Amino acid sequence: MKFLLDTQAFLWFVLNDRALSQIACDLIVDPFNDILLSPASYWEIAIKVSIGKYEIPGDFATWMEHQI
């Protein structure tokens, strides 16, 4: 099955935030599912990082590449 992750759900997943339900985590890690992320999510995350809502280690582009 294909899932288009919301930006916030993606962030909760990669940051191991408990706000994301176990069911959602299970769907994301299931190898039979295709997880998609909108290009707009890159923009949204960049804004959140630039205003200090989230801190990421190192370069934004490198960090995103490793998360996907």
PDB file of N, CA and C in Angstrom:
ATOM      1  N   MET A   1       0.838  -1.159   0.000  1.00  0.00           N
ATOM      2  CA  MET A   1       0.000   0.000   0.000  1.00  0.00           C
ATOM      3  C   MET A   1       0.897   1.240   0.000  1.00  0.00           C
ATOM      4  N   LYS A   2       0.427   2.308  -0.610  1.00  0.00           N
ATOM      5  CA  LYS A   2       1.179   3.562  -0.641  1.00  0.00           C
ATOM      6  C   LYS A   2       0.608   4.524   0.397  1.00  0.00           C
ATOM      7  N   PHE A   3       1.523   5.189   1.117  1.00  0.00           N
ATOM      8  CA  PHE A   3       1.132   6.181   2.112  1.00  0.00           C
ATOM      9  C   PHE A   3       1.894   7.469   1.855  1.00  0.00           C
ATOM     10  N   LEU A   4       1.172   8.573   1.771  1.00  0.00           N
ATOM     11  CA  LEU A   4       1.789   9.887   1.673  1.00  0.00           C
ATOM     12  C   LEU A   4       1.818  10.459   3.085  1.00  0.00           C
ATOM     13  N   LEU A   5       3.020  10.565   3.638  1.00  0.00           N
ATOM     14  CA  LEU A   5       3.144  11.051   5.010  1.00  0.00           C
ATOM     15  C   LEU A   5       2.961  12.557   5.084  1.00  0.00           C
ATOM     16  N   ASP A   6       2.207  12.971   6.051  1.00  0.00           N
ATOM     17  CA  ASP A   6       2.110  14.370   6.423  1.00  0.00           C
ATOM     18  C   ASP A   6       3.471  14.799   6.966  1.00  0.00           C
ATOM     19  N   THR A   7       3.807  16.059   6.804  1.00  0.00           N
ATOM     20  CA  THR A   7       5.095  16.560   7.282  1.00  0.00           C
ATOM     21  C   THR A   7       5.282  16.288   8.765  1.00  0.00           C
ATOM     22  N   GLN A   8       4.260  16.567   9.567  1.00  0.00           N
ATOM     23  CA  GLN A   8       4.389  16.378  11.008  1.00  0.00           C
ATOM     24  C   GLN A   8       4.573  14.906  11.358  1.00  0.00           C
ATOM     25  N   ALA A   9       3.854  14.026  10.690  1.00  0.00           N
ATOM     26  CA  ALA A   9       4.010  12.590  10.948  1.00  0.00           C
ATOM     27  C   ALA A   9       5.426  12.139  10.595  1.00  0.00           C
ATOM     28  N   PHE A  10       5.961  12.645   9.498  1.00  0.00           N
ATOM     29  CA  PHE A  10       7.333  12.323   9.112  1.00  0.00           C
ATOM     30  C   PHE A  10       8.310  12.771  10.193  1.00  0.00           C
ATOM     31  N   LEU A  11       8.150  14.009  10.666  1.00  0.00           N
ATOM     32  CA  LEU A  11       9.042  14.518  11.709  1.00  0.00           C
ATOM     33  C   LEU A  11       8.918  13.704  12.990  1.00  0.00           C
ATOM     34  N   TRP A  12       7.702  13.396  13.388  1.00  0.00           N
ATOM     35  CA  TRP A  12       7.520  12.576  14.592  1.00  0.00           C
ATOM     36  C   TRP A  12       8.223  11.237  14.428  1.00  0.00           C
ATOM     37  N   PHE A  13       8.131  10.660  13.247  1.00  0.00           N
ATOM     38  CA  PHE A  13       8.754   9.359  13.018  1.00  0.00           C
ATOM     39  C   PHE A  13      10.273   9.448  13.095  1.00  0.00           C
ATOM     40  N   VAL A  14      10.873  10.362  12.349  1.00  0.00           N
ATOM     41  CA  VAL A  14      12.342  10.428  12.314  1.00  0.00           C
ATOM     42  C   VAL A  14      12.936  10.933  13.623  1.00  0.00           C
ATOM     43  N   LEU A  15      12.149  11.679  14.397  1.00  0.00           N
ATOM     44  CA  LEU A  15      12.629  12.185  15.682  1.00  0.00           C
ATOM     45  C   LEU A  15      12.196  11.298  16.851  1.00  0.00           C
ATOM     46  N   ASN A  16      11.582  10.159  16.530  1.00  0.00           N
ATOM     47  CA  ASN A  16      11.118   9.207  17.550  1.00  0.00           C
ATOM     48  C   ASN A  16      10.205   9.851  18.584  1.00  0.00           C
ATOM     49  N   ASP A  17       9.312  10.695  18.118  1.00  0.00           N
ATOM     50  CA  ASP A  17       8.377  11.383  19.005  1.00  0.00           C
ATOM     51  C   ASP A  17       7.221  10.445  19.346  1.00  0.00           C
ATOM     52  N   ARG A  18       6.891  10.370  20.617  1.00  0.00           N
ATOM     53  CA  ARG A  18       5.823   9.482  21.073  1.00  0.00           C
ATOM     54  C   ARG A  18       4.435   9.948  20.623  1.00  0.00           C
ATOM     55  N   ALA A  19       4.342  11.132  20.037  1.00  0.00           N
ATOM     56  CA  ALA A  19       3.056  11.622  19.547  1.00  0.00           C
ATOM     57  C   ALA A  19       2.545  10.779  18.377  1.00  0.00           C
ATOM     58  N   LEU A  20       3.454  10.111  17.678  1.00  0.00           N
ATOM     59  CA  LEU A  20       3.064   9.244  16.568  1.00  0.00           C
ATOM     60  C   LEU A  20       2.642   7.893  17.132  1.00  0.00           C
ATOM     61  N   SER A  21       1.462   7.454  16.775  1.00  0.00           N
ATOM     62  CA  SER A  21       0.936   6.204  17.329  1.00  0.00           C
ATOM     63  C   SER A  21       1.756   4.993  16.886  1.00  0.00           C
ATOM     64  N   GLN A  22       1.666   3.945  17.660  1.00  0.00           N
ATOM     65  CA  GLN A  22       2.364   2.708  17.320  1.00  0.00           C
ATOM     66  C   GLN A  22       1.841   2.132  16.005  1.00  0.00           C
ATOM     67  N   ILE A  23       0.555   2.276  15.776  1.00  0.00           N
ATOM     68  CA  ILE A  23      -0.033   1.788  14.518  1.00  0.00           C
ATOM     69  C   ILE A  23       0.601   2.514  13.329  1.00  0.00           C
ATOM     70  N   ALA A  24       0.743   3.829  13.442  1.00  0.00           N
ATOM     71  CA  ALA A  24       1.369   4.602  12.362  1.00  0.00           C
ATOM     72  C   ALA A  24       2.820   4.180  12.165  1.00  0.00           C
ATOM     73  N   CYS A  25       3.552   3.997  13.263  1.00  0.00           N
ATOM     74  CA  CYS A  25       4.952   3.546  13.164  1.00  0.00           C
ATOM     75  C   CYS A  25       5.039   2.200  12.459  1.00  0.00           C
ATOM     76  N   ASP A  26       4.145   1.298  12.827  1.00  0.00           N
ATOM     77  CA  ASP A  26       4.141  -0.031  12.212  1.00  0.00           C
ATOM     78  C   ASP A  26       3.887   0.051  10.711  1.00  0.00           C
ATOM     79  N   LEU A  27       2.982   0.926  10.300  1.00  0.00           N
ATOM     80  CA  LEU A  27       2.699   1.090   8.872  1.00  0.00           C
ATOM     81  C   LEU A  27       3.905   1.654   8.128  1.00  0.00           C
ATOM     82  N   ILE A  28       4.610   2.572   8.762  1.00  0.00           N
ATOM     83  CA  ILE A  28       5.770   3.198   8.117  1.00  0.00           C
ATOM     84  C   ILE A  28       6.904   2.197   7.932  1.00  0.00           C
ATOM     85  N   VAL A  29       7.148   1.359   8.925  1.00  0.00           N
ATOM     86  CA  VAL A  29       8.279   0.425   8.835  1.00  0.00           C
ATOM     87  C   VAL A  29       7.942  -0.870   8.099  1.00  0.00           C
ATOM     88  N   ASP A  30       6.683  -1.090   7.791  1.00  0.00           N
ATOM     89  CA  ASP A  30       6.281  -2.305   7.079  1.00  0.00           C
ATOM     90  C   ASP A  30       6.903  -2.305   5.679  1.00  0.00           C
ATOM     91  N   PRO A  31       7.740  -3.295   5.359  1.00  0.00           N
ATOM     92  CA  PRO A  31       8.422  -3.313   4.058  1.00  0.00           C
ATOM     93  C   PRO A  31       7.479  -3.475   2.863  1.00  0.00           C
ATOM     94  N   PHE A  32       6.237  -3.851   3.111  1.00  0.00           N
ATOM     95  CA  PHE A  32       5.279  -4.004   2.019  1.00  0.00           C
ATOM     96  C   PHE A  32       4.589  -2.682   1.671  1.00  0.00           C
ATOM     97  N   ASN A  33       4.845  -1.651   2.462  1.00  0.00           N
ATOM     98  CA  ASN A  33       4.249  -0.338   2.211  1.00  0.00           C
ATOM     99  C   ASN A  33       5.261   0.584   1.543  1.00  0.00           C
ATOM    100  N   ASP A  34       4.771   1.407   0.636  1.00  0.00           N
ATOM    101  CA  ASP A  34       5.590   2.454   0.017  1.00  0.00           C
ATOM    102  C   ASP A  34       5.277   3.758   0.740  1.00  0.00           C
ATOM    103  N   ILE A  35       6.299   4.349   1.338  1.00  0.00           N
ATOM    104  CA  ILE A  35       6.122   5.590   2.078  1.00  0.00           C
ATOM    105  C   ILE A  35       6.584   6.748   1.202  1.00  0.00           C
ATOM    106  N   LEU A  36       5.704   7.705   0.998  1.00  0.00           N
ATOM    107  CA  LEU A  36       5.979   8.850   0.135  1.00  0.00           C
ATOM    108  C   LEU A  36       6.001  10.127   0.966  1.00  0.00           C
ATOM    109  N   LEU A  37       6.791  11.077   0.526  1.00  0.00           N
ATOM    110  CA  LEU A  37       6.879  12.378   1.183  1.00  0.00           C
ATOM    111  C   LEU A  37       6.791  13.446   0.105  1.00  0.00           C
ATOM    112  N   SER A  38       5.883  14.372   0.281  1.00  0.00           N
ATOM    113  CA  SER A  38       5.690  15.442  -0.691  1.00  0.00           C
ATOM    114  C   SER A  38       6.902  16.368  -0.735  1.00  0.00           C
ATOM    115  N   PRO A  39       7.244  16.865  -1.915  1.00  0.00           N
ATOM    116  CA  PRO A  39       8.312  17.868  -1.995  1.00  0.00           C
ATOM    117  C   PRO A  39       8.009  19.094  -1.125  1.00  0.00           C
ATOM    118  N   ALA A  40       6.739  19.392  -0.922  1.00  0.00           N
ATOM    119  CA  ALA A  40       6.367  20.525  -0.063  1.00  0.00           C
ATOM    120  C   ALA A  40       6.807  20.292   1.377  1.00  0.00           C
ATOM    121  N   SER A  41       6.948  19.033   1.773  1.00  0.00           N
ATOM    122  CA  SER A  41       7.391  18.733   3.136  1.00  0.00           C
ATOM    123  C   SER A  41       8.816  19.210   3.376  1.00  0.00           C
ATOM    124  N   TYR A  42       9.661  19.135   2.354  1.00  0.00           N
ATOM    125  CA  TYR A  42      11.033  19.643   2.486  1.00  0.00           C
ATOM    126  C   TYR A  42      10.989  21.133   2.842  1.00  0.00           C
ATOM    127  N   TRP A  43      10.151  21.858   2.139  1.00  0.00           N
ATOM    128  CA  TRP A  43       9.996  23.287   2.359  1.00  0.00           C
ATOM    129  C   TRP A  43       9.462  23.556   3.769  1.00  0.00           C
ATOM    130  N   GLU A  44       8.426  22.811   4.170  1.00  0.00           N
ATOM    131  CA  GLU A  44       7.852  22.991   5.502  1.00  0.00           C
ATOM    132  C   GLU A  44       8.878  22.709   6.597  1.00  0.00           C
ATOM    133  N   ILE A  45       9.653  21.657   6.430  1.00  0.00           N
ATOM    134  CA  ILE A  45      10.661  21.304   7.436  1.00  0.00           C
ATOM    135  C   ILE A  45      11.748  22.366   7.480  1.00  0.00           C
ATOM    136  N   ALA A  46      12.163  22.861   6.321  1.00  0.00           N
ATOM    137  CA  ALA A  46      13.182  23.915   6.282  1.00  0.00           C
ATOM    138  C   ALA A  46      12.709  25.152   7.038  1.00  0.00           C
ATOM    139  N   ILE A  47      11.444  25.499   6.895  1.00  0.00           N
ATOM    140  CA  ILE A  47      10.895  26.642   7.627  1.00  0.00           C
ATOM    141  C   ILE A  47      10.923  26.371   9.128  1.00  0.00           C
ATOM    142  N   LYS A  48      10.484  25.183   9.539  1.00  0.00           N
ATOM    143  CA  LYS A  48      10.465  24.846  10.972  1.00  0.00           C
ATOM    144  C   LYS A  48      11.869  24.883  11.567  1.00  0.00           C
ATOM    145  N   VAL A  49      12.842  24.417  10.814  1.00  0.00           N
ATOM    146  CA  VAL A  49      14.230  24.454  11.289  1.00  0.00           C
ATOM    147  C   VAL A  49      14.712  25.905  11.365  1.00  0.00           C
ATOM    148  N   SER A  50      14.384  26.712  10.351  1.00  0.00           N
ATOM    149  CA  SER A  50      14.870  28.100  10.314  1.00  0.00           C
ATOM    150  C   SER A  50      14.286  28.965  11.427  1.00  0.00           C
ATOM    151  N   ILE A  51      13.077  28.643  11.900  1.00  0.00           N
ATOM    152  CA  ILE A  51      12.488  29.437  12.985  1.00  0.00           C
ATOM    153  C   ILE A  51      12.797  28.847  14.359  1.00  0.00           C
ATOM    154  N   GLY A  52      13.576  27.768  14.365  1.00  0.00           N
ATOM    155  CA  GLY A  52      14.015  27.191  15.632  1.00  0.00           C
ATOM    156  C   GLY A  52      13.063  26.205  16.273  1.00  0.00           C
ATOM    157  N   LYS A  53      12.037  25.791  15.543  1.00  0.00           N
ATOM    158  CA  LYS A  53      11.097  24.816  16.105  1.00  0.00           C
ATOM    159  C   LYS A  53      11.754  23.446  16.246  1.00  0.00           C
ATOM    160  N   TYR A  54      12.649  23.125  15.324  1.00  0.00           N
ATOM    161  CA  TYR A  54      13.388  21.862  15.369  1.00  0.00           C
ATOM    162  C   TYR A  54      14.864  22.141  15.147  1.00  0.00           C
ATOM    163  N   GLU A  55      15.697  21.367  15.817  1.00  0.00           N
ATOM    164  CA  GLU A  55      17.139  21.423  15.581  1.00  0.00           C
ATOM    165  C   GLU A  55      17.554  20.131  14.913  1.00  0.00           C
ATOM    166  N   ILE A  56      18.359  20.260  13.887  1.00  0.00           N
ATOM    167  CA  ILE A  56      18.875  19.073  13.216  1.00  0.00           C
ATOM    168  C   ILE A  56      20.395  19.158  13.210  1.00  0.00           C
ATOM    169  N   PRO A  57      21.044  18.008  13.272  1.00  0.00           N
ATOM    170  CA  PRO A  57      22.508  18.031  13.249  1.00  0.00           C
ATOM    171  C   PRO A  57      23.033  18.274  11.833  1.00  0.00           C
ATOM    172  N   GLY A  58      23.928  19.221  11.691  1.00  0.00           N
ATOM    173  CA  GLY A  58      24.589  19.440  10.408  1.00  0.00           C
ATOM    174  C   GLY A  58      23.736  20.108   9.360  1.00  0.00           C
ATOM    175  N   ASP A  59      24.079  19.815   8.130  1.00  0.00           N
ATOM    176  CA  ASP A  59      23.476  20.404   6.942  1.00  0.00           C
ATOM    177  C   ASP A  59      22.067  19.854   6.706  1.00  0.00           C
ATOM    178  N   PHE A  60      21.117  20.746   6.391  1.00  0.00           N
ATOM    179  CA  PHE A  60      19.725  20.349   6.175  1.00  0.00           C
ATOM    180  C   PHE A  60      19.581  19.314   5.060  1.00  0.00           C
ATOM    181  N   ALA A  61      20.179  19.563   3.908  1.00  0.00           N
ATOM    182  CA  ALA A  61      20.043  18.646   2.766  1.00  0.00           C
ATOM    183  C   ALA A  61      20.595  17.267   3.092  1.00  0.00           C
ATOM    184  N   THR A  62      21.731  17.224   3.762  1.00  0.00           N
ATOM    185  CA  THR A  62      22.325  15.940   4.141  1.00  0.00           C
ATOM    186  C   THR A  62      21.444  15.220   5.143  1.00  0.00           C
ATOM    187  N   TRP A  63      20.925  15.959   6.110  1.00  0.00           N
ATOM    188  CA  TRP A  63      20.046  15.362   7.121  1.00  0.00           C
ATOM    189  C   TRP A  63      18.805  14.759   6.466  1.00  0.00           C
ATOM    190  N   MET A  64      18.171  15.519   5.561  1.00  0.00           N
ATOM    191  CA  MET A  64      16.970  15.017   4.887  1.00  0.00           C
ATOM    192  C   MET A  64      17.289  13.775   4.069  1.00  0.00           C
ATOM    193  N   GLU A  65      18.412  13.784   3.388  1.00  0.00           N
ATOM    194  CA  GLU A  65      18.799  12.630   2.574  1.00  0.00           C
ATOM    195  C   GLU A  65      18.922  11.375   3.433  1.00  0.00           C
ATOM    196  N   HIS A  66      19.463  11.514   4.621  1.00  0.00           N
ATOM    197  CA  HIS A  66      19.626  10.363   5.513  1.00  0.00           C
ATOM    198  C   HIS A  66      18.307   9.903   6.127  1.00  0.00           C
ATOM    199  N   GLN A  67      17.331  10.786   6.216  1.00  0.00           N
ATOM    200  CA  GLN A  67      16.053  10.425   6.826  1.00  0.00           C
ATOM    201  C   GLN A  67      15.144   9.677   5.862  1.00  0.00           C
ATOM    202  N   ILE A  68      15.364   9.895   4.595  1.00  0.00           N
ATOM    203  CA  ILE A  68      14.462   9.285   3.614  1.00  0.00           C
ATOM    204  C   ILE A  68      14.904   7.921   3.302  1.00  0.00           C
TER     205      ILE A  68
END
